[in-house]
Amino acid sequence: MSEERVKLTTYFGERDRVDGRPLADELLAICERHRVSEAIVFRGAEGFGRLHHVHTDRLLSLSEDLPVVATALARREHVDALLADVLSAQRRGLVSLERGRLLAPGTTAIGIGDGSGDLGGDGDARKLTVHVGRGERVGGRPAFVAVCELLRERGVSGASVLLGVDGLHDGRRARARLLSRNGGVPISIFAVGERELITPVVPSLTTMLRRPLVTLERVRICKRDGELLQRPHELAGSDARGLALWQKLTVYSSHDATHDGRSLHLELVRRLRAGDAAGATCLNGVWGFHGAHAPHGERLLQVRRHVPVLTVAIDSPENARRSFELIDELTAEHGLVTSEVVPAVRAVGAGGAIGPLQLADPHEP
């Protein structure tokens, strides 16, 4: 069984406050008030927003204002109800809405996408997201390790594991704290692959996990390891009702990947900012795999950090086309590049707000 869900994602800075309270705390409190049971907060490592202020963990003077990404998953009617509170609290940054499917335990491969024009009858690939608790285990191993191994065994080309710092799971708050095992703090596993590889693995995932939260979204794989497979979606600027359409480009790479001797993800942010992109955010992973390489992650005494990095850029279709040319150049050897349609975005800055948060209907000319 699968059900349609709306994913609400907010991008902001760690210093952002609401009446002296961290914005991340306020957003989770809003989710709790509106009985949203699933949400997660990630702390980014590098990025910039509409005002082009750079946030980074590389400089001590700027490390107190790292980029933050908070995501909540809910039914459409719940998202509609909490949006007003979210927009009132978030006075700068970006808010997006995306469509997806929540896959319940026992979901069969046949049932995925039934009744959803967003997931059926297309040539795009799939993005599978699995949310588990940091302390959850499968067969004596961390659940995220077991999930990655299953995905790799089934031929999926790669997966990245991101560690949340706060969140809600089954409606229960779980915040990372010092000197704590933080077993309930959520972790997200992102896997991208062809539909015929991703879909059959879903039933195994929903039965092997104790409290599975598995979602599926459409995605187009544009590049893999330097090879251009498809161009990003060719979108019009708006749908038939005049509602704006947006585009998300994501680069899945490794922390130690380089371009002309420079860190690939840092160079992506630098070039996108110089190219006047609306914004970009880098999220460091803790575990993952790519291709035939064995799963790997953070280890003590490492000289190089062989962990995944996700670089996300959301912009208008016109600007996204320009950004892809930069990304194409920089990923001549490394990385997986994907394109996704974002049906609603609102960007807020000193100059005011851009974009109504009404879900558009994607289409390509």
Protein backbone atom coordinates (compact mmCIF):
# COMPACT_ATOMS: atom_id res chain seq x y z
CA MET A 1 0.00 0.00 0.00
CA SER A 2 1.23 3.49 -0.80
CA GLU A 3 -0.24 6.88 0.01
CA GLU A 4 0.41 10.31 -1.43
CA ARG A 5 2.33 12.66 0.83
CA VAL A 6 3.67 16.22 0.60
CA LYS A 7 7.25 16.90 1.66
CA LEU A 8 7.77 20.35 3.16
CA THR A 9 11.44 21.40 3.24
CA THR A 10 12.87 24.59 4.72
CA TYR A 11 16.39 25.97 4.19
CA PHE A 12 17.74 28.56 6.63
CA GLY A 13 20.71 29.51 8.84
CA GLU A 14 21.59 28.10 12.25
CA ARG A 15 21.53 31.59 13.79
CA ASP A 16 17.93 32.24 12.74
CA ARG A 17 15.68 32.81 15.75
CA VAL A 18 12.00 33.23 16.62
CA ASP A 19 11.55 35.26 19.82
CA GLY A 20 15.04 34.18 20.91
CA ARG A 21 14.37 30.51 20.17
CA PRO A 22 16.27 28.63 17.41
CA LEU A 23 14.15 28.45 14.27
CA ALA A 24 14.73 24.68 14.02
CA ASP A 25 13.13 24.21 17.46
CA GLU A 26 10.18 26.40 16.48
CA LEU A 27 9.60 24.49 13.24
CA LEU A 28 9.53 21.15 15.06
CA ALA A 29 7.18 22.62 17.67
CA ILE A 30 4.87 23.69 14.81
CA CYS A 31 4.95 20.14 13.45
CA GLU A 32 4.07 18.77 16.88
CA ARG A 33 1.15 21.19 17.27
CA HIS A 34 -0.23 20.13 13.91
CA ARG A 35 0.32 16.43 14.69
CA VAL A 36 2.87 15.88 11.95
CA SER A 37 4.53 12.65 13.01
CA GLU A 38 7.63 12.62 10.78
CA ALA A 39 10.24 15.38 10.52
CA ILE A 40 14.03 15.62 10.48
CA VAL A 41 16.61 18.40 10.80
CA PHE A 42 20.02 18.27 9.11
CA ARG A 43 22.94 20.62 9.74
CA GLY A 44 24.72 21.51 6.51
CA ALA A 45 28.41 22.12 5.96
CA GLU A 46 28.46 24.78 3.24
CA GLY A 47 26.01 26.89 1.32
CA PHE A 48 24.55 30.24 0.35
CA GLY A 49 21.07 31.63 -0.07
CA ARG A 50 19.18 34.33 -1.90
CA LEU A 51 21.32 37.10 -0.35
CA HIS A 52 24.46 35.14 -1.36
CA HIS A 53 25.79 35.10 2.20
CA VAL A 54 28.12 32.12 2.52
CA HIS A 55 27.68 29.67 5.41
CA THR A 56 30.48 27.20 6.03
CA ASP A 57 31.95 24.92 8.69
CA ARG A 58 35.51 25.59 7.47
CA LEU A 59 35.92 28.98 9.13
CA LEU A 60 35.55 29.42 12.87
CA SER A 61 34.04 32.89 12.51
CA LEU A 62 31.23 31.57 10.30
CA SER A 63 30.69 28.15 11.82
CA GLU A 64 28.00 29.45 14.18
CA ASP A 65 25.69 30.08 11.23
CA LEU A 66 25.80 26.83 9.30
CA PRO A 67 23.04 26.08 6.80
CA VAL A 68 20.17 24.02 8.21
CA VAL A 69 17.64 21.91 6.32
CA ALA A 70 14.40 20.76 7.98
CA THR A 71 11.99 18.37 6.28
CA ALA A 72 8.49 17.28 7.30
CA LEU A 73 6.35 14.64 5.63
CA ALA A 74 2.57 14.81 5.93
CA ARG A 75 -0.77 14.47 4.23
CA ARG A 76 -1.76 17.41 2.06
CA GLU A 77 -4.42 18.66 4.47
CA HIS A 78 -1.91 18.73 7.36
CA VAL A 79 0.66 20.64 5.30
CA ASP A 80 -1.96 23.20 4.31
CA ALA A 81 -2.78 23.72 7.98
CA LEU A 82 0.78 24.25 9.22
CA LEU A 83 2.09 26.37 6.33
CA ALA A 84 0.84 29.66 7.78
CA ASP A 85 2.74 29.03 11.02
CA VAL A 86 5.90 28.00 9.15
CA LEU A 87 5.86 31.09 6.95
CA SER A 88 5.24 33.31 9.96
CA ALA A 89 8.24 31.84 11.79
CA GLN A 90 10.72 31.71 8.88
CA ARG A 91 11.66 35.26 7.89
CA ARG A 92 14.48 34.35 5.52
CA GLY A 93 15.54 31.35 3.51
CA LEU A 94 13.57 29.04 1.27
CA VAL A 95 10.52 26.80 1.69
CA SER A 96 9.59 24.12 -0.85
CA LEU A 97 6.79 21.60 -1.35
CA GLU A 98 7.27 18.33 -3.25
CA ARG A 99 5.07 15.33 -3.97
CA GLY A 100 5.95 11.76 -3.08
CA ARG A 101 4.57 8.42 -1.91
CA LEU A 102 4.72 6.92 1.58
CA LEU A 103 5.17 3.14 1.40
CA ALA A 104 3.52 1.26 4.24
CA PRO A 105 4.86 -2.02 5.73
CA GLY A 106 3.95 -4.90 3.46
CA THR A 107 3.85 -2.74 0.32
CA THR A 108 4.30 -4.87 -2.80
CA ALA A 109 6.20 -3.79 -5.88
CA ILE A 110 2.98 -4.05 -7.88
CA GLY A 111 1.18 -1.56 -5.66
CA ILE A 112 3.75 1.22 -5.87
CA GLY A 113 2.49 4.22 -7.75
CA ASP A 114 -1.12 3.07 -8.05
CA GLY A 115 -3.33 6.10 -8.47
CA SER A 116 -0.40 8.51 -8.66
CA GLY A 117 0.35 10.35 -11.86
CA ASP A 118 3.55 11.53 -10.20
CA LEU A 119 5.03 8.04 -9.98
CA GLY A 120 3.54 5.98 -12.75
CA GLY A 121 3.86 5.80 -16.52
CA ASP A 122 7.04 7.81 -17.01
CA GLY A 123 10.64 7.25 -18.03
CA ASP A 124 12.22 8.79 -14.96
CA ALA A 125 14.16 6.99 -12.24
CA ARG A 126 13.24 6.89 -8.53
CA LYS A 127 14.62 8.38 -5.35
CA LEU A 128 14.08 6.07 -2.40
CA THR A 129 14.38 7.57 1.09
CA VAL A 130 14.46 5.36 4.18
CA HIS A 131 14.21 6.95 7.64
CA VAL A 132 15.42 4.96 10.66
CA GLY A 133 16.52 5.70 14.21
CA ARG A 134 20.23 6.08 14.88
CA GLY A 135 20.10 3.23 17.38
CA GLU A 136 17.92 0.87 15.34
CA ARG A 137 19.56 -2.44 14.49
CA VAL A 138 18.94 -5.27 12.05
CA GLY A 139 20.63 -8.61 12.72
CA GLY A 140 22.99 -7.02 15.24
CA ARG A 141 24.14 -4.29 12.82
CA PRO A 142 23.09 -0.65 12.59
CA ALA A 143 19.94 -0.46 10.47
CA PHE A 144 21.47 2.05 8.03
CA VAL A 145 24.35 -0.38 7.35
CA ALA A 146 21.91 -3.24 6.72
CA VAL A 147 19.81 -1.06 4.37
CA CYS A 148 22.88 -0.02 2.36
CA GLU A 149 24.03 -3.62 2.05
CA LEU A 150 20.59 -4.73 0.83
CA LEU A 151 20.47 -1.93 -1.75
CA ARG A 152 23.94 -2.83 -2.99
CA GLU A 153 23.07 -6.54 -3.22
CA ARG A 154 20.03 -5.68 -5.34
CA GLY A 155 22.14 -3.73 -7.84
CA VAL A 156 21.21 -0.18 -6.83
CA SER A 157 24.13 2.00 -7.92
CA GLY A 158 24.56 4.01 -4.73
CA ALA A 159 23.18 5.30 -1.44
CA SER A 160 24.06 8.12 0.98
CA VAL A 161 23.32 8.17 4.71
CA LEU A 162 22.69 11.54 6.40
CA LEU A 163 22.59 11.94 10.16
CA GLY A 164 19.85 14.12 11.60
CA VAL A 165 20.45 16.35 14.59
CA ASP A 166 16.80 16.57 15.64
CA GLY A 167 13.45 15.33 14.51
CA LEU A 168 10.16 13.54 15.03
CA HIS A 169 9.54 9.85 14.44
CA ASP A 170 6.06 8.43 15.01
CA GLY A 171 5.30 11.77 16.64
CA ARG A 172 8.05 11.43 19.26
CA ARG A 173 10.73 14.11 19.52
CA ALA A 174 14.33 12.88 19.30
CA ARG A 175 17.10 15.46 19.64
CA ALA A 176 20.85 14.73 19.52
CA ARG A 177 22.54 15.55 22.85
CA LEU A 178 26.08 15.38 24.16
CA LEU A 179 26.96 12.36 26.31
CA SER A 180 23.95 10.44 25.02
CA ARG A 181 23.54 7.43 22.74
CA ASN A 182 20.93 9.41 20.76
CA GLY A 183 19.38 6.14 19.63
CA GLY A 184 16.09 7.73 18.58
CA VAL A 185 17.57 10.56 16.52
CA PRO A 186 16.55 9.97 12.89
CA ILE A 187 18.87 9.00 10.07
CA SER A 188 17.93 9.24 6.39
CA ILE A 189 19.22 6.93 3.65
CA PHE A 190 18.91 8.33 0.11
CA ALA A 191 19.18 5.97 -2.86
CA VAL A 192 18.72 6.87 -6.51
CA GLY A 193 18.33 4.34 -9.28
CA GLU A 194 16.34 3.05 -12.22
CA ARG A 195 12.74 2.20 -11.43
CA GLU A 196 13.21 -1.49 -12.24
CA LEU A 197 15.95 -1.73 -9.58
CA ILE A 198 14.44 0.48 -6.87
CA THR A 199 10.85 -0.81 -6.93
CA PRO A 200 11.54 -4.53 -6.27
CA VAL A 201 13.63 -3.78 -3.14
CA VAL A 202 10.80 -1.93 -1.36
CA PRO A 203 8.96 -4.99 0.06
CA SER A 204 12.17 -6.26 1.67
CA LEU A 205 12.90 -2.86 3.22
CA THR A 206 9.43 -2.46 4.69
CA THR A 207 9.59 -5.89 6.35
CA MET A 208 13.19 -5.86 7.62
CA LEU A 209 12.79 -2.62 9.61
CA ARG A 210 10.94 -2.32 12.91
CA ARG A 211 9.19 0.99 12.26
CA PRO A 212 9.85 1.70 8.60
CA LEU A 213 9.28 5.09 7.02
CA VAL A 214 9.99 4.69 3.32
CA THR A 215 9.16 7.25 0.64
CA LEU A 216 9.45 7.25 -3.13
CA GLU A 217 9.83 10.22 -5.47
CA ARG A 218 10.44 10.75 -9.17
CA VAL A 219 13.91 11.84 -10.21
CA ARG A 220 15.86 12.05 -13.46
CA ILE A 221 19.44 10.75 -13.48
CA CYS A 222 21.38 13.21 -15.64
CA LYS A 223 25.00 12.12 -15.12
CA ARG A 224 26.86 9.23 -13.57
CA ASP A 225 30.66 9.22 -13.16
CA GLY A 226 31.15 11.82 -15.86
CA GLU A 227 28.80 10.27 -18.42
CA LEU A 228 25.89 12.43 -19.59
CA LEU A 229 22.79 10.22 -19.58
CA GLN A 230 19.95 12.76 -19.94
CA ARG A 231 19.49 16.49 -19.83
CA PRO A 232 17.51 17.89 -16.87
CA HIS A 233 13.75 18.22 -17.22
CA GLU A 234 12.81 20.83 -19.83
CA LEU A 235 10.25 22.78 -17.85
CA ALA A 236 8.15 25.79 -18.70
CA GLY A 237 8.30 28.64 -16.21
CA SER A 238 4.74 27.95 -15.00
CA ASP A 239 1.90 25.47 -15.32
CA ALA A 240 -1.42 25.89 -17.14
CA ARG A 241 -2.82 27.83 -14.16
CA GLY A 242 0.09 30.26 -14.10
CA LEU A 243 1.69 28.76 -10.97
CA ALA A 244 5.49 28.86 -11.03
CA LEU A 245 7.50 25.68 -11.50
CA TRP A 246 10.92 25.16 -9.94
CA GLN A 247 13.76 22.74 -10.40
CA LYS A 248 16.14 20.97 -8.02
CA LEU A 249 19.59 19.80 -9.12
CA THR A 250 21.45 17.48 -6.75
CA VAL A 251 25.04 16.31 -7.00
CA TYR A 252 25.89 13.13 -5.04
CA SER A 253 29.66 13.01 -4.58
CA SER A 254 32.34 12.11 -2.06
CA HIS A 255 34.00 14.46 0.40
CA ASP A 256 37.41 13.63 -1.08
CA ALA A 257 36.34 14.07 -4.74
CA THR A 258 38.16 16.94 -6.47
CA HIS A 259 38.07 19.05 -9.62
CA ASP A 260 41.38 20.51 -10.78
CA GLY A 261 42.81 19.87 -7.33
CA ARG A 262 39.95 21.60 -5.46
CA SER A 263 37.27 19.94 -3.37
CA LEU A 264 34.40 19.20 -5.76
CA HIS A 265 31.51 20.19 -3.48
CA LEU A 266 33.21 23.43 -2.40
CA GLU A 267 33.94 24.30 -6.02
CA LEU A 268 30.31 23.60 -6.89
CA VAL A 269 29.13 26.11 -4.27
CA ARG A 270 31.71 28.69 -5.35
CA ARG A 271 30.86 28.43 -9.04
CA LEU A 272 27.09 28.38 -8.50
CA ARG A 273 27.35 31.48 -6.33
CA ALA A 274 29.50 33.25 -8.94
CA GLY A 275 26.97 32.22 -11.59
CA ASP A 276 24.19 34.00 -9.68
CA ALA A 277 22.29 30.83 -8.73
CA ALA A 278 19.57 31.38 -6.14
CA GLY A 279 21.26 29.14 -3.57
CA ALA A 280 22.98 25.85 -2.81
CA THR A 281 23.46 23.71 0.28
CA CYS A 282 26.00 20.94 1.00
CA LEU A 283 25.06 18.12 3.37
CA ASN A 284 27.75 15.74 4.65
CA GLY A 285 26.90 12.07 4.95
CA VAL A 286 28.25 9.53 7.43
CA TRP A 287 28.01 6.33 5.41
CA GLY A 288 27.30 5.17 1.89
CA PHE A 289 28.43 3.35 -1.21
CA HIS A 290 28.81 3.96 -4.92
CA GLY A 291 29.04 1.43 -7.71
CA ALA A 292 31.16 -1.61 -6.96
CA HIS A 293 32.89 0.00 -3.97
CA ALA A 294 32.12 -1.48 -0.56
CA PRO A 295 30.03 0.68 1.82
CA HIS A 296 32.21 3.08 3.79
CA GLY A 297 31.99 5.97 6.22
CA GLU A 298 33.65 8.04 8.94
CA ARG A 299 36.52 6.36 10.79
CA LEU A 300 38.92 7.57 13.44
CA LEU A 301 42.41 8.75 12.41
CA GLN A 302 41.44 9.14 8.75
CA VAL A 303 43.58 11.50 6.72
CA ARG A 304 40.90 11.78 4.03
CA ARG A 305 37.14 11.82 4.59
CA HIS A 306 35.66 9.18 2.30
CA VAL A 307 32.04 10.02 3.05
CA PRO A 308 29.16 11.12 0.81
CA VAL A 309 28.30 14.77 0.18
CA LEU A 310 25.02 16.00 -1.29
CA THR A 311 24.99 19.43 -2.96
CA VAL A 312 21.44 20.71 -3.54
CA ALA A 313 20.47 23.73 -5.67
CA ILE A 314 16.87 24.90 -6.21
CA ASP A 315 16.08 27.59 -8.78
CA SER A 316 13.77 28.61 -11.60
CA PRO A 317 13.93 26.35 -14.69
CA GLU A 318 15.74 29.06 -16.66
CA ASN A 319 18.42 29.54 -13.99
CA ALA A 320 18.64 25.78 -13.41
CA ARG A 321 19.58 25.29 -17.06
CA ARG A 322 22.51 27.68 -16.61
CA SER A 323 23.49 26.01 -13.35
CA PHE A 324 23.51 22.60 -15.01
CA GLU A 325 26.13 23.78 -17.50
CA LEU A 326 28.41 24.63 -14.56
CA ILE A 327 27.64 21.35 -12.84
CA ASP A 328 28.23 19.42 -16.05
CA GLU A 329 31.70 20.93 -16.37
CA LEU A 330 32.64 20.24 -12.75
CA THR A 331 31.38 16.64 -12.74
CA ALA A 332 33.40 15.53 -15.77
CA GLU A 333 34.80 12.59 -13.76
CA HIS A 334 32.93 12.21 -10.47
CA GLY A 335 29.44 12.25 -9.07
CA LEU A 336 25.82 11.42 -9.71
CA VAL A 337 23.71 14.36 -10.91
CA THR A 338 19.91 14.35 -10.72
CA SER A 339 17.08 16.67 -11.68
CA GLU A 340 13.72 16.94 -9.89
CA VAL A 341 10.62 19.01 -10.46
CA VAL A 342 9.68 21.18 -7.45
CA PRO A 343 6.04 22.26 -7.74
CA ALA A 344 6.09 25.01 -5.09
CA VAL A 345 8.79 27.30 -3.65
CA ARG A 346 8.80 30.45 -1.53
CA ALA A 347 12.06 32.39 -1.09
CA VAL A 348 12.21 35.01 1.65
CA GLY A 349 14.88 37.69 2.10
CA ALA A 350 15.42 41.35 2.86
CA GLY A 351 13.72 42.31 -0.41
CA GLY A 352 10.53 40.44 0.44
CA ALA A 353 9.11 37.07 -0.58
CA ILE A 354 9.01 35.39 -3.99
CA GLY A 355 6.65 32.58 -4.91
CA PRO A 356 3.28 31.39 -3.58
CA LEU A 357 3.30 27.98 -1.93
CA GLN A 358 0.66 26.44 -4.17
CA LEU A 359 1.41 23.10 -5.79
CA ALA A 360 1.81 23.49 -9.54
CA ASP A 361 1.19 20.71 -12.05
CA PRO A 362 4.51 19.80 -13.73
CA HIS A 363 4.66 19.52 -17.45
CA GLU A 364 7.29 19.57 -20.15
CA PRO A 365 6.83 21.32 -23.51
